[in-house]
Amino acid sequence: MKRQIEIFIAGCPVCDPVVQMVKETACDNCEITIHNLAEKCESMICVKKMKAYGVKRIPAIAVNGELIGCCKNVEITREDLINAGIGS
């Protein structure tokens, strides 16, 4: 059974090395799909999947329909901004 790997990117130079690393690490049982959110996608499936998986930052990687650990629960909050001195 193939391992489904989905990479969510924004088409930027920060994402490119991650895509390359996944491609270099993947094996014959890996099927890689790249979702470039900057371009969206015709069917909007990439945006739907992004929301369903809980993607909060880019780049992000899902394997078999689930975000991998390093891509979970990381988002910028208003509290983070205030703690950084923004708004004061």
N, C-alpha and C. Protein backbone atom coordinates (compact mmCIF):
# COMPACT_ATOMS: atom_id res chain seq x y z
N MET A 1 0.84 -1.19 0.00
CA MET A 1 0.00 0.00 0.00
C MET A 1 0.88 1.25 0.00
N LYS A 2 0.56 2.17 -0.88
CA LYS A 2 1.32 3.41 -0.99
C LYS A 2 1.09 4.31 0.21
N ARG A 3 2.13 5.01 0.62
CA ARG A 3 2.04 6.02 1.67
C ARG A 3 1.76 7.35 0.98
N GLN A 4 0.66 7.98 1.34
CA GLN A 4 0.25 9.24 0.73
C GLN A 4 0.89 10.41 1.49
N ILE A 5 1.74 11.14 0.83
CA ILE A 5 2.40 12.29 1.44
C ILE A 5 1.90 13.54 0.74
N GLU A 6 1.38 14.48 1.54
CA GLU A 6 0.91 15.75 1.01
C GLU A 6 1.74 16.86 1.63
N ILE A 7 2.27 17.72 0.76
CA ILE A 7 3.07 18.85 1.23
C ILE A 7 2.32 20.13 0.89
N PHE A 8 2.07 20.93 1.91
CA PHE A 8 1.39 22.21 1.73
C PHE A 8 2.46 23.30 1.73
N ILE A 9 2.51 24.05 0.63
CA ILE A 9 3.53 25.09 0.46
C ILE A 9 2.87 26.39 0.02
N ALA A 10 3.69 27.44 -0.01
CA ALA A 10 3.22 28.75 -0.47
C ALA A 10 4.06 29.23 -1.65
N GLY A 11 4.82 28.34 -2.25
CA GLY A 11 5.62 28.70 -3.42
C GLY A 11 6.74 29.68 -3.09
N CYS A 12 7.32 29.55 -1.90
CA CYS A 12 8.36 30.50 -1.48
C CYS A 12 9.68 29.78 -1.25
N PRO A 13 10.78 30.53 -1.10
CA PRO A 13 12.08 29.89 -0.92
C PRO A 13 12.23 29.14 0.41
N VAL A 14 11.37 29.39 1.37
CA VAL A 14 11.41 28.64 2.63
C VAL A 14 10.85 27.23 2.40
N CYS A 15 9.88 27.10 1.52
CA CYS A 15 9.23 25.81 1.27
C CYS A 15 10.06 24.89 0.38
N ASP A 16 10.81 25.46 -0.54
CA ASP A 16 11.55 24.66 -1.53
C ASP A 16 12.46 23.61 -0.90
N PRO A 17 13.27 23.95 0.12
CA PRO A 17 14.14 22.93 0.71
C PRO A 17 13.36 21.80 1.39
N VAL A 18 12.19 22.10 1.94
CA VAL A 18 11.38 21.07 2.58
C VAL A 18 10.86 20.10 1.52
N VAL A 19 10.39 20.63 0.42
CA VAL A 19 9.92 19.77 -0.68
C VAL A 19 11.06 18.88 -1.15
N GLN A 20 12.22 19.44 -1.33
CA GLN A 20 13.38 18.68 -1.79
C GLN A 20 13.75 17.58 -0.79
N MET A 21 13.72 17.91 0.52
CA MET A 21 14.06 16.95 1.55
C MET A 21 13.06 15.78 1.56
N VAL A 22 11.77 16.09 1.40
CA VAL A 22 10.76 15.02 1.36
C VAL A 22 11.01 14.14 0.14
N LYS A 23 11.26 14.74 -1.00
CA LYS A 23 11.51 13.96 -2.21
C LYS A 23 12.73 13.07 -2.06
N GLU A 24 13.79 13.57 -1.43
CA GLU A 24 15.00 12.79 -1.24
C GLU A 24 14.80 11.66 -0.23
N THR A 25 13.93 11.87 0.74
CA THR A 25 13.69 10.89 1.80
C THR A 25 12.66 9.84 1.40
N ALA A 26 11.76 10.19 0.50
CA ALA A 26 10.66 9.30 0.10
C ALA A 26 11.19 8.02 -0.54
N CYS A 27 10.39 6.97 -0.40
CA CYS A 27 10.75 5.68 -0.99
C CYS A 27 9.77 5.34 -2.12
N ASP A 28 9.92 4.17 -2.68
CA ASP A 28 9.06 3.74 -3.79
C ASP A 28 7.60 3.60 -3.36
N ASN A 29 7.36 3.40 -2.07
CA ASN A 29 5.99 3.26 -1.56
C ASN A 29 5.37 4.60 -1.19
N CYS A 30 6.03 5.69 -1.52
CA CYS A 30 5.53 7.02 -1.19
C CYS A 30 4.98 7.70 -2.44
N GLU A 31 3.80 8.25 -2.31
CA GLU A 31 3.21 9.05 -3.39
C GLU A 31 3.08 10.48 -2.87
N ILE A 32 3.78 11.41 -3.52
CA ILE A 32 3.85 12.79 -3.05
C ILE A 32 2.92 13.68 -3.85
N THR A 33 2.12 14.46 -3.13
CA THR A 33 1.28 15.48 -3.74
C THR A 33 1.66 16.82 -3.12
N ILE A 34 1.87 17.81 -3.97
CA ILE A 34 2.23 19.14 -3.49
C ILE A 34 1.04 20.07 -3.70
N HIS A 35 0.61 20.71 -2.62
CA HIS A 35 -0.48 21.68 -2.66
C HIS A 35 0.13 23.08 -2.50
N ASN A 36 0.18 23.84 -3.60
CA ASN A 36 0.69 25.20 -3.53
C ASN A 36 -0.48 26.13 -3.23
N LEU A 37 -0.57 26.56 -1.99
CA LEU A 37 -1.71 27.37 -1.55
C LEU A 37 -1.67 28.79 -2.12
N ALA A 38 -0.50 29.23 -2.57
CA ALA A 38 -0.41 30.55 -3.20
C ALA A 38 -1.14 30.56 -4.53
N GLU A 39 -1.17 29.42 -5.20
CA GLU A 39 -1.85 29.31 -6.49
C GLU A 39 -3.27 28.76 -6.32
N LYS A 40 -3.58 28.32 -5.10
CA LYS A 40 -4.82 27.60 -4.81
C LYS A 40 -4.89 26.42 -5.77
N CYS A 41 -6.01 25.88 -5.96
CA CYS A 41 -6.15 24.79 -6.91
C CYS A 41 -7.54 24.88 -7.50
N GLU A 42 -7.67 24.38 -8.69
CA GLU A 42 -8.92 24.54 -9.42
C GLU A 42 -10.14 24.06 -8.63
N SER A 43 -10.03 22.91 -8.02
CA SER A 43 -11.18 22.34 -7.30
C SER A 43 -11.26 22.83 -5.86
N MET A 44 -10.28 23.60 -5.40
CA MET A 44 -10.18 24.08 -4.02
C MET A 44 -9.95 22.94 -3.04
N ILE A 45 -9.61 21.75 -3.52
CA ILE A 45 -9.36 20.62 -2.64
C ILE A 45 -8.19 20.90 -1.70
N CYS A 46 -7.20 21.64 -2.18
CA CYS A 46 -6.04 21.93 -1.34
C CYS A 46 -6.44 22.77 -0.13
N VAL A 47 -7.32 23.73 -0.32
CA VAL A 47 -7.78 24.58 0.78
C VAL A 47 -8.66 23.77 1.73
N LYS A 48 -9.51 22.91 1.18
CA LYS A 48 -10.36 22.06 2.02
C LYS A 48 -9.51 21.12 2.86
N LYS A 49 -8.49 20.52 2.26
CA LYS A 49 -7.61 19.62 3.00
C LYS A 49 -6.82 20.37 4.05
N MET A 50 -6.34 21.57 3.70
CA MET A 50 -5.60 22.39 4.65
C MET A 50 -6.43 22.62 5.90
N LYS A 51 -7.69 22.97 5.72
CA LYS A 51 -8.58 23.22 6.86
C LYS A 51 -8.88 21.93 7.61
N ALA A 52 -9.15 20.86 6.89
CA ALA A 52 -9.48 19.58 7.52
C ALA A 52 -8.30 19.04 8.35
N TYR A 53 -7.08 19.22 7.86
CA TYR A 53 -5.91 18.73 8.57
C TYR A 53 -5.48 19.66 9.70
N GLY A 54 -5.99 20.90 9.69
CA GLY A 54 -5.61 21.86 10.72
C GLY A 54 -4.28 22.52 10.47
N VAL A 55 -3.93 22.72 9.20
CA VAL A 55 -2.67 23.37 8.86
C VAL A 55 -2.72 24.82 9.34
N LYS A 56 -1.72 25.20 10.15
CA LYS A 56 -1.65 26.55 10.70
C LYS A 56 -0.41 27.30 10.23
N ARG A 57 0.49 26.57 9.60
CA ARG A 57 1.70 27.21 9.07
C ARG A 57 2.17 26.44 7.85
N ILE A 58 2.98 27.10 7.07
CA ILE A 58 3.48 26.53 5.83
C ILE A 58 5.01 26.59 5.89
N PRO A 59 5.75 25.60 5.46
CA PRO A 59 5.31 24.36 4.87
C PRO A 59 4.78 23.40 5.93
N ALA A 60 3.89 22.52 5.51
CA ALA A 60 3.33 21.49 6.38
C ALA A 60 3.25 20.19 5.60
N ILE A 61 3.35 19.08 6.32
CA ILE A 61 3.36 17.77 5.67
C ILE A 61 2.34 16.87 6.36
N ALA A 62 1.52 16.22 5.55
CA ALA A 62 0.58 15.22 6.05
C ALA A 62 0.95 13.87 5.44
N VAL A 63 0.87 12.84 6.27
CA VAL A 63 1.13 11.48 5.80
C VAL A 63 -0.14 10.66 6.07
N ASN A 64 -0.64 10.08 5.01
CA ASN A 64 -1.88 9.29 5.10
C ASN A 64 -3.01 10.05 5.78
N GLY A 65 -3.15 11.32 5.43
CA GLY A 65 -4.28 12.11 5.90
C GLY A 65 -4.13 12.73 7.27
N GLU A 66 -2.91 12.73 7.84
CA GLU A 66 -2.71 13.32 9.16
C GLU A 66 -1.41 14.12 9.18
N LEU A 67 -1.50 15.33 9.75
CA LEU A 67 -0.29 16.14 9.87
C LEU A 67 0.73 15.42 10.72
N ILE A 68 2.00 15.51 10.32
CA ILE A 68 3.04 14.91 11.14
C ILE A 68 3.30 15.83 12.34
N GLY A 69 3.86 15.27 13.39
CA GLY A 69 4.01 15.95 14.67
C GLY A 69 4.60 17.35 14.61
N CYS A 70 5.60 17.56 13.79
CA CYS A 70 6.25 18.87 13.75
C CYS A 70 5.38 19.95 13.13
N CYS A 71 4.28 19.56 12.52
CA CYS A 71 3.42 20.52 11.82
C CYS A 71 2.13 20.81 12.56
N LYS A 72 1.96 20.26 13.76
CA LYS A 72 0.71 20.41 14.50
C LYS A 72 0.78 21.56 15.50
N ASN A 73 -0.38 22.16 15.75
CA ASN A 73 -0.59 23.09 16.85
C ASN A 73 0.41 24.25 16.89
N VAL A 74 0.79 24.75 15.76
CA VAL A 74 1.68 25.90 15.74
C VAL A 74 0.99 27.00 14.94
N GLU A 75 0.55 28.01 15.65
CA GLU A 75 -0.07 29.14 14.98
C GLU A 75 0.29 30.41 15.72
N ILE A 76 0.22 31.51 15.04
CA ILE A 76 0.47 32.82 15.64
C ILE A 76 -0.83 33.28 16.27
N THR A 77 -0.75 33.67 17.53
CA THR A 77 -1.93 34.15 18.24
C THR A 77 -1.79 35.63 18.55
N ARG A 78 -2.90 36.26 18.87
CA ARG A 78 -2.89 37.67 19.27
C ARG A 78 -2.00 37.85 20.50
N GLU A 79 -2.04 36.88 21.40
CA GLU A 79 -1.22 36.94 22.61
C GLU A 79 0.27 36.95 22.26
N ASP A 80 0.66 36.15 21.27
CA ASP A 80 2.05 36.15 20.82
C ASP A 80 2.47 37.53 20.34
N LEU A 81 1.59 38.18 19.58
CA LEU A 81 1.89 39.51 19.04
C LEU A 81 2.03 40.53 20.18
N ILE A 82 1.11 40.49 21.12
CA ILE A 82 1.15 41.43 22.25
C ILE A 82 2.41 41.19 23.07
N ASN A 83 2.75 39.92 23.33
CA ASN A 83 3.95 39.60 24.09
C ASN A 83 5.21 40.06 23.39
N ALA A 84 5.17 40.17 22.08
CA ALA A 84 6.31 40.65 21.30
C ALA A 84 6.38 42.17 21.26
N GLY A 85 5.39 42.83 21.86
CA GLY A 85 5.39 44.29 21.91
C GLY A 85 4.62 44.95 20.79
N ILE A 86 3.94 44.18 19.97
CA ILE A 86 3.16 44.75 18.88
C ILE A 86 1.87 45.33 19.46
N GLY A 87 1.60 46.56 19.13
CA GLY A 87 0.39 47.21 19.60
C GLY A 87 0.58 48.06 20.84
N SER A 88 1.80 48.09 21.37
CA SER A 88 2.01 48.90 22.57
C SER A 88 2.99 50.01 22.32
